[in-house]
Amino acid sequence: MAIAQNPAMPILYFTKAHYIDLAHLDTGFYYSAKALNLQPNYPAAVAFKGLLYAYSGNPVMAKKNLWNSIELGKNTSAFADPYLILGGIYTQEKNIDSADYCFRTAYRLDPCSLGAWEKVEENN
């Protein structure tokens, strides 16, 4: 089976990207790109790319990728994390209404998420 036909390959590249120390953003971007080249609509890789952009100081691209991952993930509980990251970005931008929306949505999707619960409690 060719690599491009192996459905596990995007997951392997994403896993490599995910466990990269965030101090090595270029390596994270490299493996995210490899995963997305094989499967462009892989929501977790798109979300991680958004996280990489957030850490690299590019909130515009971070938000674009995170919202795209949410659309691809269709609000499953596994996608509470993009909302948490977006909430952090909106908090930094002092866009409190959008931050609150994101934190509440993350909590709704994953009530066990300690990070979402803490942020919702802070805003009450």
C-alpha atoms as a PDB file:
ATOM      1  CA  MET A   1       0.000   0.000   0.000  1.00  0.00           C
ATOM      2  CA  ALA A   2       1.409   3.392  -0.943  1.00  0.00           C
ATOM      3  CA  ILE A   3       1.953   5.891   1.848  1.00  0.00           C
ATOM      4  CA  ALA A   4      -0.673   8.288   0.482  1.00  0.00           C
ATOM      5  CA  GLN A   5      -3.225   5.454   0.509  1.00  0.00           C
ATOM      6  CA  ASN A   6      -2.461   4.421   4.085  1.00  0.00           C
ATOM      7  CA  PRO A   7      -5.109   6.083   6.283  1.00  0.00           C
ATOM      8  CA  ALA A   8      -2.812   5.865   9.317  1.00  0.00           C
ATOM      9  CA  MET A   9      -0.121   8.109   7.808  1.00  0.00           C
ATOM     10  CA  PRO A  10      -1.778  11.477   8.553  1.00  0.00           C
ATOM     11  CA  ILE A  11      -2.253  10.335  12.141  1.00  0.00           C
ATOM     12  CA  LEU A  12       1.407   9.356  12.422  1.00  0.00           C
ATOM     13  CA  TYR A  13       2.579  12.725  11.094  1.00  0.00           C
ATOM     14  CA  PHE A  14       0.109  14.555  13.315  1.00  0.00           C
ATOM     15  CA  THR A  15       1.312  12.575  16.338  1.00  0.00           C
ATOM     16  CA  LYS A  16       4.897  13.548  15.577  1.00  0.00           C
ATOM     17  CA  ALA A  17       3.862  17.200  15.252  1.00  0.00           C
ATOM     18  CA  HIS A  18       1.769  17.069  18.409  1.00  0.00           C
ATOM     19  CA  TYR A  19       4.596  15.849  20.605  1.00  0.00           C
ATOM     20  CA  ILE A  20       7.107  18.377  19.329  1.00  0.00           C
ATOM     21  CA  ASP A  21       8.287  20.769  22.022  1.00  0.00           C
ATOM     22  CA  LEU A  22       6.541  24.047  21.267  1.00  0.00           C
ATOM     23  CA  ALA A  23       9.956  25.708  21.323  1.00  0.00           C
ATOM     24  CA  HIS A  24      10.546  23.961  17.984  1.00  0.00           C
ATOM     25  CA  LEU A  25       7.649  25.458  16.049  1.00  0.00           C
ATOM     26  CA  ASP A  26       9.266  24.894  12.658  1.00  0.00           C
ATOM     27  CA  THR A  27       9.299  21.130  13.255  1.00  0.00           C
ATOM     28  CA  GLY A  28       5.682  21.221  14.398  1.00  0.00           C
ATOM     29  CA  PHE A  29       4.671  23.112  11.260  1.00  0.00           C
ATOM     30  CA  TYR A  30       6.639  20.617   9.144  1.00  0.00           C
ATOM     31  CA  TYR A  31       4.850  17.534  10.489  1.00  0.00           C
ATOM     32  CA  SER A  32       1.462  19.261  10.501  1.00  0.00           C
ATOM     33  CA  ALA A  33       1.973  20.100   6.836  1.00  0.00           C
ATOM     34  CA  LYS A  34       2.870  16.476   6.069  1.00  0.00           C
ATOM     35  CA  ALA A  35      -0.323  15.272   7.787  1.00  0.00           C
ATOM     36  CA  LEU A  36      -2.440  17.874   6.013  1.00  0.00           C
ATOM     37  CA  ASN A  37      -0.880  17.095   2.628  1.00  0.00           C
ATOM     38  CA  LEU A  38      -2.101  13.523   3.001  1.00  0.00           C
ATOM     39  CA  GLN A  39      -5.482  14.416   4.481  1.00  0.00           C
ATOM     40  CA  PRO A  40      -6.326  18.141   4.144  1.00  0.00           C
ATOM     41  CA  ASN A  41      -9.488  17.939   6.248  1.00  0.00           C
ATOM     42  CA  TYR A  42      -7.952  16.190   9.267  1.00  0.00           C
ATOM     43  CA  PRO A  43      -9.496  18.309  12.073  1.00  0.00           C
ATOM     44  CA  ALA A  44      -6.930  17.550  14.785  1.00  0.00           C
ATOM     45  CA  ALA A  45      -4.013  18.515  12.536  1.00  0.00           C
ATOM     46  CA  VAL A  46      -5.784  21.729  11.494  1.00  0.00           C
ATOM     47  CA  ALA A  47      -6.403  22.555  15.178  1.00  0.00           C
ATOM     48  CA  PHE A  48      -2.789  21.846  16.073  1.00  0.00           C
ATOM     49  CA  LYS A  49      -1.646  24.098  13.242  1.00  0.00           C
ATOM     50  CA  GLY A  50      -3.820  26.797  14.815  1.00  0.00           C
ATOM     51  CA  LEU A  51      -2.101  26.199  18.149  1.00  0.00           C
ATOM     52  CA  LEU A  52       1.286  26.514  16.461  1.00  0.00           C
ATOM     53  CA  TYR A  53       0.236  29.826  14.924  1.00  0.00           C
ATOM     54  CA  ALA A  54      -0.973  31.027  18.331  1.00  0.00           C
ATOM     55  CA  TYR A  55       2.396  30.172  19.894  1.00  0.00           C
ATOM     56  CA  SER A  56       4.248  31.814  17.016  1.00  0.00           C
ATOM     57  CA  GLY A  57       2.396  35.081  17.617  1.00  0.00           C
ATOM     58  CA  ASN A  58       0.082  34.989  14.601  1.00  0.00           C
ATOM     59  CA  PRO A  59      -3.452  35.223  16.061  1.00  0.00           C
ATOM     60  CA  VAL A  60      -5.081  35.827  12.668  1.00  0.00           C
ATOM     61  CA  MET A  61      -3.859  32.523  11.233  1.00  0.00           C
ATOM     62  CA  ALA A  62      -4.425  30.806  14.572  1.00  0.00           C
ATOM     63  CA  LYS A  63      -8.089  31.810  14.613  1.00  0.00           C
ATOM     64  CA  LYS A  64      -8.536  30.881  10.947  1.00  0.00           C
ATOM     65  CA  ASN A  65      -7.172  27.362  11.509  1.00  0.00           C
ATOM     66  CA  LEU A  66      -8.964  26.828  14.823  1.00  0.00           C
ATOM     67  CA  TRP A  67     -12.368  27.865  13.438  1.00  0.00           C
ATOM     68  CA  ASN A  68     -11.719  25.663  10.408  1.00  0.00           C
ATOM     69  CA  SER A  69     -10.921  22.684  12.663  1.00  0.00           C
ATOM     70  CA  ILE A  70     -14.137  23.280  14.586  1.00  0.00           C
ATOM     71  CA  GLU A  71     -16.130  23.282  11.365  1.00  0.00           C
ATOM     72  CA  LEU A  72     -14.412  20.072  10.278  1.00  0.00           C
ATOM     73  CA  GLY A  73     -14.981  18.463  13.694  1.00  0.00           C
ATOM     74  CA  LYS A  74     -18.659  19.434  13.833  1.00  0.00           C
ATOM     75  CA  ASN A  75     -18.719  20.289  17.544  1.00  0.00           C
ATOM     76  CA  THR A  76     -17.708  16.901  18.885  1.00  0.00           C
ATOM     77  CA  SER A  77     -16.431  16.715  22.452  1.00  0.00           C
ATOM     78  CA  ALA A  78     -12.940  16.047  21.084  1.00  0.00           C
ATOM     79  CA  PHE A  79     -12.950  19.586  19.760  1.00  0.00           C
ATOM     80  CA  ALA A  80     -13.345  21.465  23.012  1.00  0.00           C
ATOM     81  CA  ASP A  81      -9.619  22.294  22.832  1.00  0.00           C
ATOM     82  CA  PRO A  82      -9.849  24.613  19.801  1.00  0.00           C
ATOM     83  CA  TYR A  83     -12.491  26.597  21.668  1.00  0.00           C
ATOM     84  CA  LEU A  84     -10.190  26.832  24.701  1.00  0.00           C
ATOM     85  CA  ILE A  85      -7.319  28.102  22.562  1.00  0.00           C
ATOM     86  CA  LEU A  86      -9.616  30.590  20.827  1.00  0.00           C
ATOM     87  CA  GLY A  87     -10.856  31.753  24.222  1.00  0.00           C
ATOM     88  CA  GLY A  88      -7.263  32.459  25.216  1.00  0.00           C
ATOM     89  CA  ILE A  89      -6.599  34.388  22.011  1.00  0.00           C
ATOM     90  CA  TYR A  90      -9.776  36.448  22.427  1.00  0.00           C
ATOM     91  CA  THR A  91      -8.868  37.122  26.066  1.00  0.00           C
ATOM     92  CA  GLN A  92      -5.477  38.473  24.968  1.00  0.00           C
ATOM     93  CA  GLU A  93      -7.258  40.647  22.415  1.00  0.00           C
ATOM     94  CA  LYS A  94      -9.607  41.833  25.186  1.00  0.00           C
ATOM     95  CA  ASN A  95     -12.589  40.539  23.216  1.00  0.00           C
ATOM     96  CA  ILE A  96     -14.332  39.296  26.341  1.00  0.00           C
ATOM     97  CA  ASP A  97     -17.675  38.352  24.752  1.00  0.00           C
ATOM     98  CA  SER A  98     -16.005  36.100  22.178  1.00  0.00           C
ATOM     99  CA  ALA A  99     -13.702  34.635  24.829  1.00  0.00           C
ATOM    100  CA  ASP A 100     -16.673  33.870  27.079  1.00  0.00           C
ATOM    101  CA  TYR A 101     -18.537  32.247  24.182  1.00  0.00           C
ATOM    102  CA  CYS A 102     -15.549  30.029  23.383  1.00  0.00           C
ATOM    103  CA  PHE A 103     -14.955  29.001  27.004  1.00  0.00           C
ATOM    104  CA  ARG A 104     -18.648  28.202  27.541  1.00  0.00           C
ATOM    105  CA  THR A 105     -18.780  26.205  24.317  1.00  0.00           C
ATOM    106  CA  ALA A 106     -15.681  24.242  25.342  1.00  0.00           C
ATOM    107  CA  TYR A 107     -17.323  23.495  28.697  1.00  0.00           C
ATOM    108  CA  ARG A 108     -20.566  22.424  26.992  1.00  0.00           C
ATOM    109  CA  LEU A 109     -18.669  20.087  24.652  1.00  0.00           C
ATOM    110  CA  ASP A 110     -16.462  18.657  27.391  1.00  0.00           C
ATOM    111  CA  PRO A 111     -17.843  19.213  30.910  1.00  0.00           C
ATOM    112  CA  CYS A 112     -14.809  17.357  32.305  1.00  0.00           C
ATOM    113  CA  SER A 113     -12.446  19.981  30.869  1.00  0.00           C
ATOM    114  CA  LEU A 114     -10.891  21.637  33.893  1.00  0.00           C
ATOM    115  CA  GLY A 115      -9.533  24.499  31.773  1.00  0.00           C
ATOM    116  CA  ALA A 116     -12.977  25.341  30.386  1.00  0.00           C
ATOM    117  CA  TRP A 117     -14.643  25.080  33.788  1.00  0.00           C
ATOM    118  CA  GLU A 118     -12.051  27.402  35.374  1.00  0.00           C
ATOM    119  CA  LYS A 119     -12.528  30.049  32.677  1.00  0.00           C
ATOM    120  CA  VAL A 120     -16.330  29.887  32.898  1.00  0.00           C
ATOM    121  CA  GLU A 121     -16.114  30.262  36.689  1.00  0.00           C
ATOM    122  CA  GLU A 122     -13.717  33.235  36.353  1.00  0.00           C
ATOM    123  CA  ASN A 123     -16.224  35.025  34.142  1.00  0.00           C
ATOM    124  CA  ASN A 124     -19.184  34.517  36.496  1.00  0.00           C
END
